Amino acid sequence: MNAAIINSAEGCIQRLAASPPSGGQFELSISNSFTFAGKPDIVGAGMAVVLDKILGMGYEPDGFEQKAGFRSYRYKKMR
């Protein structure tokens, strides 16, 4: 996946559907102002939806790194 910063849960799901990850690992850059259903994702519901999609694709979380304005989330293939 490319390193473009993702601003919404809906956009992230669309990106994953259009360009599924391949290989052993991938990263997603998620904006600090990430939204779900057009509203700030304060409680993390949008990221929960995204994580459910990623788990269904056979990947699991592998940490993250806080950067200026976004977090870079890492995922790896499940064993």
C-alpha atoms as a PDB file:
ATOM      1  CA  MET A   1       0.000   0.000   0.000  1.00  0.00           C
ATOM      2  CA  ASN A   2       1.235   3.476  -0.623  1.00  0.00           C
ATOM      3  CA  ALA A   3       2.097   5.905   2.148  1.00  0.00           C
ATOM      4  CA  ALA A   4      -0.762   8.367   1.554  1.00  0.00           C
ATOM      5  CA  ILE A   5      -2.342   9.472   4.816  1.00  0.00           C
ATOM      6  CA  ILE A   6      -5.847   8.070   5.279  1.00  0.00           C
ATOM      7  CA  ASN A   7      -8.434  10.447   6.741  1.00  0.00           C
ATOM      8  CA  SER A   8     -11.523   8.247   7.239  1.00  0.00           C
ATOM      9  CA  ALA A   9     -12.562   4.703   8.084  1.00  0.00           C
ATOM     10  CA  GLU A  10     -14.644   4.563   4.918  1.00  0.00           C
ATOM     11  CA  GLY A  11     -11.679   5.659   2.796  1.00  0.00           C
ATOM     12  CA  CYS A  12      -9.465   3.079   4.452  1.00  0.00           C
ATOM     13  CA  ILE A  13     -11.948   0.256   3.780  1.00  0.00           C
ATOM     14  CA  GLN A  14     -12.216   1.353   0.137  1.00  0.00           C
ATOM     15  CA  ARG A  15      -8.439   1.428  -0.204  1.00  0.00           C
ATOM     16  CA  LEU A  16      -8.086  -2.056   1.306  1.00  0.00           C
ATOM     17  CA  ALA A  17     -10.762  -3.402  -1.065  1.00  0.00           C
ATOM     18  CA  ALA A  18      -9.239  -1.744  -4.148  1.00  0.00           C
ATOM     19  CA  SER A  19      -5.656  -2.668  -3.314  1.00  0.00           C
ATOM     20  CA  PRO A  20      -5.520  -5.611  -0.890  1.00  0.00           C
ATOM     21  CA  PRO A  21      -2.231  -6.118   0.925  1.00  0.00           C
ATOM     22  CA  SER A  22       0.055  -8.865  -0.294  1.00  0.00           C
ATOM     23  CA  GLY A  23       3.170 -10.314   1.193  1.00  0.00           C
ATOM     24  CA  GLY A  24       4.089 -10.698   4.821  1.00  0.00           C
ATOM     25  CA  GLN A  25       3.488  -7.160   6.061  1.00  0.00           C
ATOM     26  CA  PHE A  26       2.106  -3.728   5.239  1.00  0.00           C
ATOM     27  CA  GLU A  27       1.573  -0.288   6.804  1.00  0.00           C
ATOM     28  CA  LEU A  28      -1.273   2.207   6.923  1.00  0.00           C
ATOM     29  CA  SER A  29      -0.782   5.904   7.661  1.00  0.00           C
ATOM     30  CA  ILE A  30      -3.806   7.092   9.659  1.00  0.00           C
ATOM     31  CA  SER A  31      -4.433  10.806  10.181  1.00  0.00           C
ATOM     32  CA  ASN A  32      -4.684  12.200  13.710  1.00  0.00           C
ATOM     33  CA  SER A  33      -7.970  13.742  12.508  1.00  0.00           C
ATOM     34  CA  PHE A  34      -9.366  10.345  11.352  1.00  0.00           C
ATOM     35  CA  THR A  35     -13.160  10.245  10.986  1.00  0.00           C
ATOM     36  CA  PHE A  36     -15.920   7.635  11.006  1.00  0.00           C
ATOM     37  CA  ALA A  37     -19.349   8.377   9.542  1.00  0.00           C
ATOM     38  CA  GLY A  38     -18.214  11.953   8.966  1.00  0.00           C
ATOM     39  CA  LYS A  39     -17.373  12.626  12.621  1.00  0.00           C
ATOM     40  CA  PRO A  40     -14.091  12.521  14.569  1.00  0.00           C
ATOM     41  CA  ASP A  41     -13.285   8.946  15.598  1.00  0.00           C
ATOM     42  CA  ILE A  42     -12.791   9.847  19.258  1.00  0.00           C
ATOM     43  CA  VAL A  43     -13.619   6.405  20.707  1.00  0.00           C
ATOM     44  CA  GLY A  44     -11.915   4.367  17.970  1.00  0.00           C
ATOM     45  CA  ALA A  45     -15.024   2.798  16.408  1.00  0.00           C
ATOM     46  CA  GLY A  46     -13.746   3.527  12.894  1.00  0.00           C
ATOM     47  CA  MET A  47     -10.396   1.919  13.631  1.00  0.00           C
ATOM     48  CA  ALA A  48     -12.250  -1.098  15.061  1.00  0.00           C
ATOM     49  CA  VAL A  49     -14.092  -1.479  11.730  1.00  0.00           C
ATOM     50  CA  VAL A  50     -10.798  -1.149   9.845  1.00  0.00           C
ATOM     51  CA  LEU A  51      -9.095  -3.689  12.122  1.00  0.00           C
ATOM     52  CA  ASP A  52     -11.966  -6.151  11.612  1.00  0.00           C
ATOM     53  CA  LYS A  53     -11.436  -5.889   7.840  1.00  0.00           C
ATOM     54  CA  ILE A  54      -7.675  -6.371   8.227  1.00  0.00           C
ATOM     55  CA  LEU A  55      -8.099  -9.398  10.511  1.00  0.00           C
ATOM     56  CA  GLY A  56     -10.477 -10.892   7.953  1.00  0.00           C
ATOM     57  CA  MET A  57      -7.730 -10.522   5.342  1.00  0.00           C
ATOM     58  CA  GLY A  58      -5.387 -12.634   7.466  1.00  0.00           C
ATOM     59  CA  TYR A  59      -3.238  -9.879   9.002  1.00  0.00           C
ATOM     60  CA  GLU A  60      -2.721  -8.807  12.611  1.00  0.00           C
ATOM     61  CA  PRO A  61      -1.377  -5.641  14.289  1.00  0.00           C
ATOM     62  CA  ASP A  62       2.390  -5.326  14.594  1.00  0.00           C
ATOM     63  CA  GLY A  63       2.755  -1.965  16.357  1.00  0.00           C
ATOM     64  CA  PHE A  64       2.629   1.667  15.316  1.00  0.00           C
ATOM     65  CA  GLU A  65       4.769   4.771  15.276  1.00  0.00           C
ATOM     66  CA  GLN A  66       3.481   8.283  16.036  1.00  0.00           C
ATOM     67  CA  LYS A  67       4.591  10.800  13.438  1.00  0.00           C
ATOM     68  CA  ALA A  68       3.760  14.449  12.769  1.00  0.00           C
ATOM     69  CA  GLY A  69       0.001  14.514  12.102  1.00  0.00           C
ATOM     70  CA  PHE A  70      -0.524  10.765  11.755  1.00  0.00           C
ATOM     71  CA  ARG A  71       0.269   7.293  13.054  1.00  0.00           C
ATOM     72  CA  SER A  72       1.923   4.636  10.936  1.00  0.00           C
ATOM     73  CA  TYR A  73       0.266   1.315  11.831  1.00  0.00           C
ATOM     74  CA  ARG A  74       2.111  -1.907  10.931  1.00  0.00           C
ATOM     75  CA  TYR A  75       0.403  -5.213  10.196  1.00  0.00           C
ATOM     76  CA  LYS A  76       1.865  -8.672   9.580  1.00  0.00           C
ATOM     77  CA  LYS A  77       0.489 -11.892   8.159  1.00  0.00           C
ATOM     78  CA  MET A  78      -1.044 -14.157  10.807  1.00  0.00           C
ATOM     79  CA  ARG A  79       0.779 -17.416  11.500  1.00  0.00           C
END
